[in-house]
Amino acid sequence: QKRLVESGGGSVPTGGSLRLSCVTFEYTYSMNWCLGWFRQAPGREREGLAAMESDGSTTHADFVKGRFTISQDNVAHTLYLEMNELKPEDTALYHCGAGRPRGYYGGRFSCLTVIGMDGLDAWGQGTQVTVSS
């Protein structure tokens, strides 16, 4: 399992913004990898937040739509998560991850779903985001 490297977390007040970055090394959506961001807070389940699909499109979880935006710079091998209108419930350890697409009988999971699953091929140690009320 390879380590990705996240940065950009911090402490902000409610309504604040942060931009997270993740060095993805050789993992790019154009090479058929699911890339995305997930978060983990104490006592809460892991949540997939946003992902790059293999065709370059993006998907975002409903609870962050309109507030968070994922993007990737393939030249710089960097994945970003722009986060606006942050809320206290966004407080968590944020990770980027990469995994191969996964299928099920008759279909295929979206990359957003894959990023929220265990067993990714690569992920980072995380960057802490704390939003004060």
N, C-alpha and C. Protein backbone atom coordinates (compact mmCIF):
# COMPACT_ATOMS: atom_id res chain seq x y z
N GLN A 1 0.84 -1.18 0.00
CA GLN A 1 0.00 0.00 0.00
C GLN A 1 0.88 1.24 0.00
N LYS A 2 0.63 2.12 -0.96
CA LYS A 2 1.46 3.31 -1.07
C LYS A 2 0.80 4.47 -0.35
N ARG A 3 1.63 5.32 0.21
CA ARG A 3 1.13 6.49 0.93
C ARG A 3 1.00 7.67 -0.03
N LEU A 4 -0.18 8.27 -0.03
CA LEU A 4 -0.34 9.56 -0.68
C LEU A 4 -0.06 10.62 0.38
N VAL A 5 0.08 11.87 -0.04
CA VAL A 5 0.47 12.90 0.91
C VAL A 5 -0.51 14.06 0.85
N GLU A 6 -1.28 14.24 1.93
CA GLU A 6 -2.25 15.33 2.00
C GLU A 6 -1.66 16.53 2.74
N SER A 7 -2.21 17.69 2.45
CA SER A 7 -1.86 18.91 3.17
C SER A 7 -3.00 19.91 3.04
N GLY A 8 -2.92 20.97 3.82
CA GLY A 8 -3.89 22.05 3.69
C GLY A 8 -4.94 22.15 4.76
N GLY A 9 -4.96 21.18 5.68
CA GLY A 9 -5.94 21.26 6.75
C GLY A 9 -5.64 22.38 7.71
N GLY A 10 -6.56 22.62 8.64
CA GLY A 10 -6.36 23.68 9.62
C GLY A 10 -7.62 23.92 10.41
N SER A 11 -7.59 24.99 11.18
CA SER A 11 -8.74 25.38 12.01
C SER A 11 -9.34 26.65 11.44
N VAL A 12 -10.65 26.62 11.20
CA VAL A 12 -11.35 27.77 10.64
C VAL A 12 -12.67 27.96 11.38
N PRO A 13 -13.24 29.15 11.35
CA PRO A 13 -14.56 29.35 11.94
C PRO A 13 -15.64 28.86 10.99
N THR A 14 -16.84 28.72 11.52
CA THR A 14 -17.98 28.35 10.68
C THR A 14 -18.10 29.32 9.51
N GLY A 15 -18.30 28.77 8.33
CA GLY A 15 -18.39 29.59 7.13
C GLY A 15 -17.07 29.81 6.41
N GLY A 16 -16.00 29.34 7.02
CA GLY A 16 -14.68 29.51 6.45
C GLY A 16 -14.41 28.56 5.29
N SER A 17 -13.23 28.71 4.71
CA SER A 17 -12.84 27.91 3.55
C SER A 17 -11.44 27.34 3.74
N LEU A 18 -11.22 26.20 3.13
CA LEU A 18 -9.91 25.57 3.08
C LEU A 18 -9.74 24.88 1.74
N ARG A 19 -8.48 24.76 1.32
CA ARG A 19 -8.18 24.01 0.11
C ARG A 19 -7.19 22.91 0.46
N LEU A 20 -7.63 21.69 0.32
CA LEU A 20 -6.77 20.55 0.61
C LEU A 20 -6.06 20.11 -0.67
N SER A 21 -4.83 19.63 -0.50
CA SER A 21 -4.06 19.13 -1.62
C SER A 21 -3.57 17.73 -1.32
N CYS A 22 -3.37 16.95 -2.35
CA CYS A 22 -2.91 15.57 -2.19
C CYS A 22 -1.99 15.22 -3.35
N VAL A 23 -0.78 14.84 -3.05
CA VAL A 23 0.13 14.37 -4.09
C VAL A 23 -0.23 12.92 -4.40
N THR A 24 -0.60 12.68 -5.63
CA THR A 24 -1.11 11.37 -6.01
C THR A 24 -0.10 10.50 -6.75
N PHE A 25 1.12 11.03 -6.95
CA PHE A 25 2.17 10.26 -7.62
C PHE A 25 1.67 9.72 -8.95
N GLU A 26 1.74 8.43 -9.17
CA GLU A 26 1.39 7.90 -10.48
C GLU A 26 -0.11 7.65 -10.65
N TYR A 27 -0.92 7.91 -9.64
CA TYR A 27 -2.34 7.62 -9.73
C TYR A 27 -3.07 8.78 -10.40
N THR A 28 -3.66 8.50 -11.55
CA THR A 28 -4.46 9.51 -12.24
C THR A 28 -5.75 8.85 -12.73
N TYR A 29 -6.81 9.65 -12.83
CA TYR A 29 -8.07 9.07 -13.29
C TYR A 29 -7.94 8.58 -14.73
N SER A 30 -7.03 9.18 -15.51
CA SER A 30 -6.87 8.78 -16.91
C SER A 30 -6.26 7.38 -17.03
N MET A 31 -5.67 6.88 -15.96
CA MET A 31 -5.11 5.52 -15.94
C MET A 31 -6.08 4.57 -15.26
N ASN A 32 -7.33 4.93 -15.26
CA ASN A 32 -8.40 4.08 -14.73
C ASN A 32 -8.29 3.85 -13.22
N TRP A 33 -7.91 4.88 -12.50
CA TRP A 33 -7.96 4.85 -11.05
C TRP A 33 -9.12 5.70 -10.57
N CYS A 34 -9.78 5.26 -9.56
CA CYS A 34 -10.71 6.11 -8.83
C CYS A 34 -9.87 6.94 -7.85
N LEU A 35 -10.00 8.23 -7.91
CA LEU A 35 -9.31 9.13 -6.99
C LEU A 35 -10.34 9.97 -6.25
N GLY A 36 -10.09 10.19 -4.99
CA GLY A 36 -11.05 11.00 -4.28
C GLY A 36 -10.66 11.30 -2.86
N TRP A 37 -11.60 11.90 -2.14
CA TRP A 37 -11.41 12.31 -0.76
C TRP A 37 -12.46 11.64 0.12
N PHE A 38 -12.03 11.22 1.28
CA PHE A 38 -12.96 10.72 2.29
C PHE A 38 -12.54 11.29 3.64
N ARG A 39 -13.42 11.21 4.60
CA ARG A 39 -13.09 11.73 5.93
C ARG A 39 -13.53 10.77 7.01
N GLN A 40 -12.89 10.91 8.14
CA GLN A 40 -13.19 10.05 9.29
C GLN A 40 -13.17 10.92 10.53
N ALA A 41 -14.26 10.91 11.26
CA ALA A 41 -14.33 11.63 12.53
C ALA A 41 -14.55 10.63 13.65
N PRO A 42 -14.07 10.90 14.84
CA PRO A 42 -14.25 9.96 15.97
C PRO A 42 -15.73 9.66 16.18
N GLY A 43 -16.04 8.38 16.28
CA GLY A 43 -17.41 7.97 16.54
C GLY A 43 -18.33 8.02 15.34
N ARG A 44 -17.78 8.35 14.20
CA ARG A 44 -18.60 8.43 12.99
C ARG A 44 -18.03 7.52 11.92
N GLU A 45 -18.90 7.10 11.03
CA GLU A 45 -18.45 6.23 9.95
C GLU A 45 -17.66 7.02 8.91
N ARG A 46 -16.81 6.30 8.21
CA ARG A 46 -16.06 6.89 7.11
C ARG A 46 -17.04 7.40 6.06
N GLU A 47 -16.75 8.57 5.50
CA GLU A 47 -17.64 9.16 4.50
C GLU A 47 -16.86 9.51 3.23
N GLY A 48 -17.28 8.97 2.10
CA GLY A 48 -16.74 9.40 0.83
C GLY A 48 -17.30 10.78 0.51
N LEU A 49 -16.44 11.70 0.09
CA LEU A 49 -16.86 13.08 -0.11
C LEU A 49 -16.95 13.44 -1.60
N ALA A 50 -15.92 13.11 -2.35
CA ALA A 50 -15.88 13.52 -3.75
C ALA A 50 -14.88 12.63 -4.48
N ALA A 51 -15.10 12.45 -5.77
CA ALA A 51 -14.24 11.57 -6.53
C ALA A 51 -14.13 12.01 -7.98
N MET A 52 -12.98 11.62 -8.58
CA MET A 52 -12.78 11.78 -10.00
C MET A 52 -13.13 10.45 -10.64
N GLU A 53 -14.04 10.49 -11.60
CA GLU A 53 -14.38 9.27 -12.33
C GLU A 53 -13.36 9.05 -13.44
N SER A 54 -13.34 7.86 -14.03
CA SER A 54 -12.33 7.52 -15.02
C SER A 54 -12.46 8.35 -16.30
N ASP A 55 -13.61 8.96 -16.52
CA ASP A 55 -13.77 9.80 -17.72
C ASP A 55 -13.45 11.26 -17.43
N GLY A 56 -12.98 11.53 -16.22
CA GLY A 56 -12.63 12.89 -15.86
C GLY A 56 -13.76 13.68 -15.22
N SER A 57 -14.96 13.10 -15.19
CA SER A 57 -16.06 13.78 -14.53
C SER A 57 -15.88 13.68 -13.02
N THR A 58 -16.66 14.44 -12.30
CA THR A 58 -16.56 14.44 -10.84
C THR A 58 -17.89 14.09 -10.21
N THR A 59 -17.83 13.48 -9.05
CA THR A 59 -19.03 13.21 -8.28
C THR A 59 -18.80 13.68 -6.85
N HIS A 60 -19.84 14.22 -6.25
CA HIS A 60 -19.77 14.72 -4.89
C HIS A 60 -20.92 14.16 -4.07
N ALA A 61 -20.63 13.85 -2.82
CA ALA A 61 -21.70 13.39 -1.94
C ALA A 61 -22.73 14.50 -1.77
N ASP A 62 -23.98 14.12 -1.62
CA ASP A 62 -25.06 15.11 -1.53
C ASP A 62 -24.81 16.11 -0.41
N PHE A 63 -24.26 15.67 0.71
CA PHE A 63 -24.12 16.56 1.85
C PHE A 63 -22.99 17.58 1.69
N VAL A 64 -22.19 17.49 0.60
CA VAL A 64 -21.16 18.50 0.35
C VAL A 64 -21.37 19.21 -0.98
N LYS A 65 -22.36 18.81 -1.74
CA LYS A 65 -22.61 19.45 -3.03
C LYS A 65 -22.85 20.93 -2.86
N GLY A 66 -22.21 21.69 -3.73
CA GLY A 66 -22.36 23.13 -3.65
C GLY A 66 -21.38 23.79 -2.69
N ARG A 67 -20.73 22.98 -1.85
CA ARG A 67 -19.76 23.53 -0.89
C ARG A 67 -18.35 23.04 -1.18
N PHE A 68 -18.21 21.77 -1.56
CA PHE A 68 -16.90 21.18 -1.83
C PHE A 68 -16.76 20.93 -3.32
N THR A 69 -15.53 21.08 -3.83
CA THR A 69 -15.25 20.82 -5.24
C THR A 69 -13.93 20.08 -5.36
N ILE A 70 -13.96 18.96 -6.07
CA ILE A 70 -12.75 18.19 -6.30
C ILE A 70 -12.19 18.53 -7.68
N SER A 71 -10.86 18.51 -7.78
CA SER A 71 -10.22 18.71 -9.07
C SER A 71 -8.85 18.05 -9.04
N GLN A 72 -8.28 17.84 -10.21
CA GLN A 72 -6.96 17.24 -10.27
C GLN A 72 -6.11 17.95 -11.30
N ASP A 73 -4.88 18.19 -10.96
CA ASP A 73 -3.86 18.70 -11.88
C ASP A 73 -3.01 17.50 -12.27
N ASN A 74 -3.23 16.95 -13.45
CA ASN A 74 -2.50 15.75 -13.86
C ASN A 74 -1.02 16.02 -14.05
N VAL A 75 -0.68 17.22 -14.48
CA VAL A 75 0.74 17.54 -14.69
C VAL A 75 1.47 17.57 -13.35
N ALA A 76 0.84 18.16 -12.37
CA ALA A 76 1.46 18.26 -11.05
C ALA A 76 1.18 17.04 -10.18
N HIS A 77 0.40 16.09 -10.70
CA HIS A 77 0.02 14.89 -9.93
C HIS A 77 -0.55 15.27 -8.58
N THR A 78 -1.44 16.21 -8.59
CA THR A 78 -2.02 16.70 -7.34
C THR A 78 -3.53 16.72 -7.43
N LEU A 79 -4.17 16.24 -6.39
CA LEU A 79 -5.62 16.24 -6.26
C LEU A 79 -5.99 17.31 -5.25
N TYR A 80 -7.05 18.04 -5.53
CA TYR A 80 -7.46 19.13 -4.66
C TYR A 80 -8.88 18.91 -4.15
N LEU A 81 -9.17 19.50 -3.02
CA LEU A 81 -10.54 19.59 -2.53
C LEU A 81 -10.74 20.99 -2.00
N GLU A 82 -11.51 21.78 -2.74
CA GLU A 82 -11.86 23.12 -2.33
C GLU A 82 -13.08 23.02 -1.44
N MET A 83 -12.97 23.56 -0.23
CA MET A 83 -14.08 23.45 0.73
C MET A 83 -14.51 24.84 1.17
N ASN A 84 -15.76 25.15 0.94
CA ASN A 84 -16.33 26.45 1.33
C ASN A 84 -17.50 26.24 2.28
N GLU A 85 -17.92 27.31 2.92
CA GLU A 85 -19.07 27.27 3.84
C GLU A 85 -18.93 26.12 4.84
N LEU A 86 -17.78 26.01 5.42
CA LEU A 86 -17.52 24.92 6.34
C LEU A 86 -18.39 25.02 7.59
N LYS A 87 -18.77 23.85 8.10
CA LYS A 87 -19.64 23.75 9.25
C LYS A 87 -18.92 22.95 10.34
N PRO A 88 -19.32 23.09 11.59
CA PRO A 88 -18.68 22.30 12.65
C PRO A 88 -18.74 20.80 12.39
N GLU A 89 -19.80 20.32 11.76
CA GLU A 89 -19.90 18.89 11.48
C GLU A 89 -18.95 18.42 10.39
N ASP A 90 -18.25 19.36 9.75
CA ASP A 90 -17.21 18.98 8.79
C ASP A 90 -15.89 18.66 9.49
N THR A 91 -15.82 18.87 10.78
CA THR A 91 -14.61 18.58 11.53
C THR A 91 -14.29 17.09 11.44
N ALA A 92 -13.09 16.77 10.95
CA ALA A 92 -12.70 15.37 10.74
C ALA A 92 -11.26 15.32 10.24
N LEU A 93 -10.75 14.10 10.14
CA LEU A 93 -9.47 13.85 9.49
C LEU A 93 -9.77 13.53 8.02
N TYR A 94 -9.21 14.32 7.13
CA TYR A 94 -9.51 14.19 5.71
C TYR A 94 -8.37 13.46 5.01
N HIS A 95 -8.76 12.46 4.21
CA HIS A 95 -7.80 11.64 3.49
C HIS A 95 -8.09 11.69 2.00
N CYS A 96 -7.03 11.56 1.19
CA CYS A 96 -7.24 11.28 -0.21
C CYS A 96 -6.92 9.80 -0.43
N GLY A 97 -7.48 9.23 -1.47
CA GLY A 97 -7.28 7.82 -1.72
C GLY A 97 -7.37 7.49 -3.19
N ALA A 98 -6.83 6.32 -3.54
CA ALA A 98 -6.87 5.83 -4.91
C ALA A 98 -7.22 4.35 -4.87
N GLY A 99 -8.09 3.95 -5.77
CA GLY A 99 -8.48 2.56 -5.83
C GLY A 99 -8.97 2.19 -7.22
N ARG A 100 -8.88 0.92 -7.51
CA ARG A 100 -9.37 0.46 -8.81
C ARG A 100 -10.91 0.44 -8.79
N PRO A 101 -11.53 0.70 -9.92
CA PRO A 101 -12.98 0.59 -9.98
C PRO A 101 -13.42 -0.81 -9.54
N ARG A 102 -14.57 -0.89 -8.91
CA ARG A 102 -15.09 -2.17 -8.43
C ARG A 102 -16.47 -2.40 -9.01
N GLY A 103 -16.71 -3.64 -9.36
CA GLY A 103 -18.00 -3.96 -9.94
C GLY A 103 -18.81 -4.87 -9.04
N TYR A 104 -20.03 -5.04 -9.39
CA TYR A 104 -20.92 -6.00 -8.75
C TYR A 104 -21.71 -6.63 -9.88
N TYR A 105 -22.43 -7.65 -9.58
CA TYR A 105 -23.14 -8.36 -10.63
C TYR A 105 -24.07 -7.39 -11.37
N GLY A 106 -23.77 -7.22 -12.64
CA GLY A 106 -24.63 -6.39 -13.46
C GLY A 106 -24.28 -4.92 -13.47
N GLY A 107 -23.23 -4.53 -12.75
CA GLY A 107 -22.94 -3.10 -12.75
C GLY A 107 -21.58 -2.77 -12.16
N ARG A 108 -21.37 -1.51 -11.93
CA ARG A 108 -20.11 -1.03 -11.38
C ARG A 108 -20.40 0.09 -10.40
N PHE A 109 -19.67 0.06 -9.28
CA PHE A 109 -19.82 1.12 -8.29
C PHE A 109 -19.23 2.41 -8.83
N SER A 110 -19.82 3.53 -8.47
CA SER A 110 -19.22 4.82 -8.82
C SER A 110 -17.91 4.96 -8.07
N CYS A 111 -17.02 5.82 -8.58
CA CYS A 111 -15.76 6.06 -7.87
C CYS A 111 -16.02 6.68 -6.50
N LEU A 112 -17.07 7.46 -6.37
CA LEU A 112 -17.40 8.04 -5.06
C LEU A 112 -17.66 6.93 -4.05
N THR A 113 -18.38 5.90 -4.48
CA THR A 113 -18.64 4.77 -3.59
C THR A 113 -17.34 4.03 -3.26
N VAL A 114 -16.50 3.83 -4.27
CA VAL A 114 -15.24 3.11 -4.06
C VAL A 114 -14.37 3.85 -3.04
N ILE A 115 -14.31 5.17 -3.16
CA ILE A 115 -13.47 5.96 -2.26
C ILE A 115 -13.95 5.84 -0.82
N GLY A 116 -15.22 5.61 -0.63
CA GLY A 116 -15.76 5.46 0.71
C GLY A 116 -15.60 4.06 1.29
N MET A 117 -15.07 3.15 0.51
CA MET A 117 -14.91 1.75 0.96
C MET A 117 -13.53 1.51 1.58
N ASP A 118 -13.44 0.44 2.32
CA ASP A 118 -12.14 -0.03 2.80
C ASP A 118 -11.39 -0.69 1.65
N GLY A 119 -10.08 -0.90 1.86
CA GLY A 119 -9.32 -1.67 0.89
C GLY A 119 -8.85 -0.90 -0.32
N LEU A 120 -8.67 0.41 -0.18
CA LEU A 120 -8.11 1.17 -1.29
C LEU A 120 -6.65 0.78 -1.52
N ASP A 121 -6.18 1.03 -2.74
CA ASP A 121 -4.79 0.70 -3.05
C ASP A 121 -3.81 1.68 -2.43
N ALA A 122 -4.22 2.91 -2.25
CA ALA A 122 -3.33 3.91 -1.68
C ALA A 122 -4.15 4.98 -0.97
N TRP A 123 -3.61 5.47 0.11
CA TRP A 123 -4.24 6.59 0.83
C TRP A 123 -3.19 7.29 1.67
N GLY A 124 -3.53 8.44 2.18
CA GLY A 124 -2.57 9.19 2.98
C GLY A 124 -2.89 9.14 4.45
N GLN A 125 -2.03 9.76 5.26
CA GLN A 125 -2.23 9.77 6.71
C GLN A 125 -3.31 10.75 7.13
N GLY A 126 -3.67 11.64 6.24
CA GLY A 126 -4.76 12.56 6.52
C GLY A 126 -4.29 13.92 6.96
N THR A 127 -5.17 14.89 6.80
CA THR A 127 -4.94 16.24 7.27
C THR A 127 -6.17 16.67 8.06
N GLN A 128 -5.95 17.22 9.25
CA GLN A 128 -7.05 17.53 10.16
C GLN A 128 -7.73 18.85 9.78
N VAL A 129 -9.04 18.80 9.73
CA VAL A 129 -9.86 19.99 9.52
C VAL A 129 -10.73 20.18 10.75
N THR A 130 -10.64 21.35 11.36
CA THR A 130 -11.43 21.66 12.53
C THR A 130 -12.20 22.94 12.28
N VAL A 131 -13.51 22.87 12.44
CA VAL A 131 -14.37 24.02 12.21
C VAL A 131 -15.03 24.40 13.53
N SER A 132 -14.78 25.60 13.99
CA SER A 132 -15.32 26.04 15.27
C SER A 132 -16.66 26.75 15.05
N SER A 133 -17.53 26.60 16.06
CA SER A 133 -18.85 27.23 15.96
C SER A 133 -18.84 28.64 16.50
